[in-house]
Amino acid sequence: MDLMAERAFITRQTLRKVERGDPGVSLGIYASVLFVLGLTDRLSALVDPSQDSLGQDLAEESLPKRVRVPRGPKDGANAA
């Protein structure tokens, strides 16, 4: 653990927080740890919206249930 923390330029206590998934740890720290572990390819999956099924479900729920198309003027009555 000491070597890992040293290579990621963080303290051992911060590394423990990373292992627990502490939300107070910055994304940069997580990126550093992934780099040390050789898992930088996982960073792209982290920010890829297509990989976030919960986020997609929440976005779909917020979509309007019905879309109304606005009607235009009838028979040119308002035409100038």
N, C-alpha and C. Protein backbone atom coordinates (compact mmCIF):
# COMPACT_ATOMS: atom_id res chain seq x y z
N MET A 1 0.81 -1.19 0.00
CA MET A 1 0.00 0.00 0.00
C MET A 1 0.85 1.26 0.00
N ASP A 2 1.96 1.21 0.72
CA ASP A 2 2.84 2.38 0.76
C ASP A 2 3.38 2.71 -0.62
N LEU A 3 3.80 1.68 -1.36
CA LEU A 3 4.35 1.89 -2.70
C LEU A 3 3.28 2.43 -3.65
N MET A 4 2.09 1.89 -3.56
CA MET A 4 1.00 2.35 -4.40
C MET A 4 0.68 3.81 -4.12
N ALA A 5 0.56 4.18 -2.85
CA ALA A 5 0.27 5.56 -2.48
C ALA A 5 1.38 6.49 -2.96
N GLU A 6 2.61 6.04 -2.82
CA GLU A 6 3.75 6.86 -3.25
C GLU A 6 3.71 7.08 -4.76
N ARG A 7 3.43 6.04 -5.52
CA ARG A 7 3.39 6.17 -6.98
C ARG A 7 2.22 7.03 -7.46
N ALA A 8 1.14 7.06 -6.69
CA ALA A 8 -0.02 7.87 -7.05
C ALA A 8 0.09 9.29 -6.47
N PHE A 9 1.17 9.56 -5.73
CA PHE A 9 1.40 10.86 -5.10
C PHE A 9 0.29 11.23 -4.12
N ILE A 10 -0.15 10.24 -3.34
CA ILE A 10 -1.17 10.46 -2.33
C ILE A 10 -0.73 9.81 -1.02
N THR A 11 -1.44 10.12 0.04
CA THR A 11 -1.12 9.49 1.33
C THR A 11 -1.79 8.13 1.40
N ARG A 12 -1.34 7.35 2.34
CA ARG A 12 -1.93 6.03 2.54
C ARG A 12 -3.38 6.14 3.01
N GLN A 13 -3.65 7.17 3.79
CA GLN A 13 -5.01 7.40 4.25
C GLN A 13 -5.94 7.70 3.06
N THR A 14 -5.48 8.50 2.11
CA THR A 14 -6.29 8.79 0.93
C THR A 14 -6.51 7.53 0.11
N LEU A 15 -5.50 6.68 0.03
CA LEU A 15 -5.65 5.42 -0.69
C LEU A 15 -6.72 4.55 -0.03
N ARG A 16 -6.77 4.55 1.30
CA ARG A 16 -7.82 3.81 1.99
C ARG A 16 -9.19 4.37 1.64
N LYS A 17 -9.29 5.69 1.54
CA LYS A 17 -10.56 6.31 1.15
C LYS A 17 -10.96 5.90 -0.26
N VAL A 18 -9.98 5.82 -1.14
CA VAL A 18 -10.25 5.38 -2.53
C VAL A 18 -10.78 3.96 -2.51
N GLU A 19 -10.16 3.10 -1.74
CA GLU A 19 -10.60 1.71 -1.66
C GLU A 19 -12.03 1.58 -1.12
N ARG A 20 -12.42 2.49 -0.23
CA ARG A 20 -13.77 2.46 0.33
C ARG A 20 -14.78 3.15 -0.58
N GLY A 21 -14.30 3.88 -1.60
CA GLY A 21 -15.20 4.59 -2.50
C GLY A 21 -15.71 5.89 -1.91
N ASP A 22 -14.92 6.51 -1.07
CA ASP A 22 -15.31 7.76 -0.40
C ASP A 22 -15.61 8.84 -1.45
N PRO A 23 -16.82 9.43 -1.41
CA PRO A 23 -17.18 10.45 -2.40
C PRO A 23 -16.43 11.76 -2.22
N GLY A 24 -15.73 11.93 -1.11
CA GLY A 24 -14.96 13.15 -0.88
C GLY A 24 -13.62 13.17 -1.61
N VAL A 25 -13.24 12.05 -2.18
CA VAL A 25 -11.97 11.96 -2.91
C VAL A 25 -12.19 12.46 -4.33
N SER A 26 -11.28 13.29 -4.80
CA SER A 26 -11.45 13.88 -6.13
C SER A 26 -11.27 12.84 -7.23
N LEU A 27 -11.87 13.14 -8.36
CA LEU A 27 -11.78 12.24 -9.51
C LEU A 27 -10.34 12.11 -9.99
N GLY A 28 -9.56 13.17 -9.82
CA GLY A 28 -8.16 13.12 -10.21
C GLY A 28 -7.38 12.08 -9.43
N ILE A 29 -7.70 11.93 -8.15
CA ILE A 29 -7.04 10.91 -7.32
C ILE A 29 -7.39 9.52 -7.84
N TYR A 30 -8.68 9.31 -8.13
CA TYR A 30 -9.09 8.01 -8.69
C TYR A 30 -8.36 7.75 -10.00
N ALA A 31 -8.22 8.77 -10.83
CA ALA A 31 -7.52 8.62 -12.11
C ALA A 31 -6.05 8.26 -11.87
N SER A 32 -5.43 8.88 -10.89
CA SER A 32 -4.02 8.56 -10.58
C SER A 32 -3.87 7.12 -10.14
N VAL A 33 -4.79 6.66 -9.31
CA VAL A 33 -4.72 5.27 -8.83
C VAL A 33 -4.93 4.30 -9.99
N LEU A 34 -5.88 4.60 -10.86
CA LEU A 34 -6.10 3.74 -12.02
C LEU A 34 -4.88 3.72 -12.93
N PHE A 35 -4.21 4.87 -13.06
CA PHE A 35 -2.99 4.93 -13.87
C PHE A 35 -1.90 4.04 -13.28
N VAL A 36 -1.72 4.11 -11.96
CA VAL A 36 -0.71 3.29 -11.29
C VAL A 36 -1.02 1.80 -11.48
N LEU A 37 -2.30 1.47 -11.46
CA LEU A 37 -2.70 0.07 -11.63
C LEU A 37 -2.71 -0.39 -13.08
N GLY A 38 -2.49 0.55 -14.01
CA GLY A 38 -2.50 0.20 -15.42
C GLY A 38 -3.91 0.02 -15.97
N LEU A 39 -4.87 0.68 -15.36
CA LEU A 39 -6.27 0.54 -15.76
C LEU A 39 -6.84 1.83 -16.33
N THR A 40 -6.03 2.61 -17.02
CA THR A 40 -6.51 3.89 -17.55
C THR A 40 -7.60 3.72 -18.60
N ASP A 41 -7.68 2.55 -19.22
CA ASP A 41 -8.73 2.32 -20.21
C ASP A 41 -10.11 2.36 -19.55
N ARG A 42 -10.17 2.15 -18.26
CA ARG A 42 -11.45 2.19 -17.53
C ARG A 42 -11.96 3.61 -17.36
N LEU A 43 -11.09 4.61 -17.50
CA LEU A 43 -11.53 5.99 -17.37
C LEU A 43 -12.53 6.37 -18.45
N SER A 44 -12.30 5.89 -19.66
CA SER A 44 -13.24 6.21 -20.75
C SER A 44 -14.60 5.60 -20.48
N ALA A 45 -14.65 4.43 -19.90
CA ALA A 45 -15.93 3.80 -19.57
C ALA A 45 -16.62 4.57 -18.45
N LEU A 46 -15.85 5.20 -17.58
CA LEU A 46 -16.40 5.94 -16.47
C LEU A 46 -17.21 7.15 -16.95
N VAL A 47 -16.77 7.79 -18.00
CA VAL A 47 -17.44 9.00 -18.49
C VAL A 47 -18.31 8.74 -19.72
N ASP A 48 -18.43 7.50 -20.14
CA ASP A 48 -19.22 7.16 -21.33
C ASP A 48 -20.69 7.02 -20.94
N PRO A 49 -21.55 7.91 -21.44
CA PRO A 49 -22.96 7.84 -21.06
C PRO A 49 -23.64 6.54 -21.47
N SER A 50 -23.16 5.89 -22.51
CA SER A 50 -23.79 4.64 -22.93
C SER A 50 -23.53 3.51 -21.94
N GLN A 51 -22.56 3.68 -21.05
CA GLN A 51 -22.24 2.68 -20.04
C GLN A 51 -23.02 2.90 -18.74
N ASP A 52 -23.76 4.01 -18.66
CA ASP A 52 -24.46 4.38 -17.44
C ASP A 52 -25.95 4.07 -17.58
N SER A 53 -26.35 2.85 -17.26
CA SER A 53 -27.75 2.45 -17.44
C SER A 53 -28.67 3.20 -16.47
N LEU A 54 -28.22 3.47 -15.25
CA LEU A 54 -29.04 4.22 -14.31
C LEU A 54 -29.26 5.65 -14.81
N GLY A 55 -28.20 6.27 -15.29
CA GLY A 55 -28.31 7.63 -15.84
C GLY A 55 -29.25 7.67 -17.03
N GLN A 56 -29.19 6.66 -17.88
CA GLN A 56 -30.09 6.60 -19.04
C GLN A 56 -31.54 6.44 -18.59
N ASP A 57 -31.78 5.61 -17.59
CA ASP A 57 -33.14 5.43 -17.07
C ASP A 57 -33.68 6.73 -16.47
N LEU A 58 -32.84 7.43 -15.72
CA LEU A 58 -33.27 8.69 -15.11
C LEU A 58 -33.55 9.75 -16.18
N ALA A 59 -32.72 9.80 -17.22
CA ALA A 59 -32.94 10.76 -18.29
C ALA A 59 -34.23 10.43 -19.04
N GLU A 60 -34.50 9.17 -19.24
CA GLU A 60 -35.71 8.76 -19.94
C GLU A 60 -36.96 9.12 -19.13
N GLU A 61 -36.88 8.98 -17.82
CA GLU A 61 -38.01 9.33 -16.95
C GLU A 61 -38.33 10.82 -17.01
N SER A 62 -37.32 11.65 -17.25
CA SER A 62 -37.54 13.10 -17.26
C SER A 62 -38.06 13.60 -18.61
N LEU A 63 -38.10 12.73 -19.61
CA LEU A 63 -38.62 13.15 -20.91
C LEU A 63 -40.12 13.38 -20.81
N PRO A 64 -40.65 14.31 -21.60
CA PRO A 64 -42.10 14.52 -21.57
C PRO A 64 -42.83 13.28 -22.06
N LYS A 65 -43.98 13.03 -21.46
CA LYS A 65 -44.77 11.85 -21.84
C LYS A 65 -45.45 12.04 -23.18
N ARG A 66 -45.80 13.28 -23.48
CA ARG A 66 -46.49 13.59 -24.71
C ARG A 66 -45.91 14.86 -25.30
N VAL A 67 -45.78 14.90 -26.59
CA VAL A 67 -45.27 16.10 -27.25
C VAL A 67 -46.38 16.66 -28.12
N ARG A 68 -46.69 17.94 -27.94
CA ARG A 68 -47.72 18.59 -28.73
C ARG A 68 -47.06 19.47 -29.77
N VAL A 69 -47.56 19.39 -30.98
CA VAL A 69 -47.04 20.20 -32.07
C VAL A 69 -47.88 21.47 -32.13
N PRO A 70 -47.25 22.65 -32.07
CA PRO A 70 -48.02 23.88 -32.13
C PRO A 70 -48.69 24.03 -33.49
N ARG A 71 -49.92 24.50 -33.47
CA ARG A 71 -50.66 24.70 -34.72
C ARG A 71 -50.34 26.08 -35.28
N GLY A 72 -50.26 26.13 -36.57
CA GLY A 72 -50.02 27.39 -37.24
C GLY A 72 -51.32 28.13 -37.49
N PRO A 73 -51.24 29.34 -38.06
CA PRO A 73 -52.45 30.11 -38.35
C PRO A 73 -53.29 29.38 -39.41
N LYS A 74 -54.61 29.47 -39.27
CA LYS A 74 -55.52 28.82 -40.21
C LYS A 74 -55.83 29.75 -41.38
N ASP A 75 -55.87 29.22 -42.56
CA ASP A 75 -56.31 29.91 -43.78
C ASP A 75 -55.62 31.24 -44.02
N GLY A 76 -54.45 31.44 -43.46
CA GLY A 76 -53.72 32.68 -43.70
C GLY A 76 -54.38 33.89 -43.09
N ALA A 77 -55.23 33.73 -42.10
CA ALA A 77 -55.98 34.84 -41.48
C ALA A 77 -55.03 35.85 -40.84
N ASN A 78 -53.89 35.40 -40.34
CA ASN A 78 -52.96 36.32 -39.69
C ASN A 78 -51.83 36.77 -40.60
N ALA A 79 -51.91 36.40 -41.86
CA ALA A 79 -50.85 36.74 -42.79
C ALA A 79 -50.87 38.24 -43.08
N ALA A 80 -49.73 38.85 -43.17
CA ALA A 80 -49.65 40.29 -43.41
C ALA A 80 -49.39 40.60 -44.84
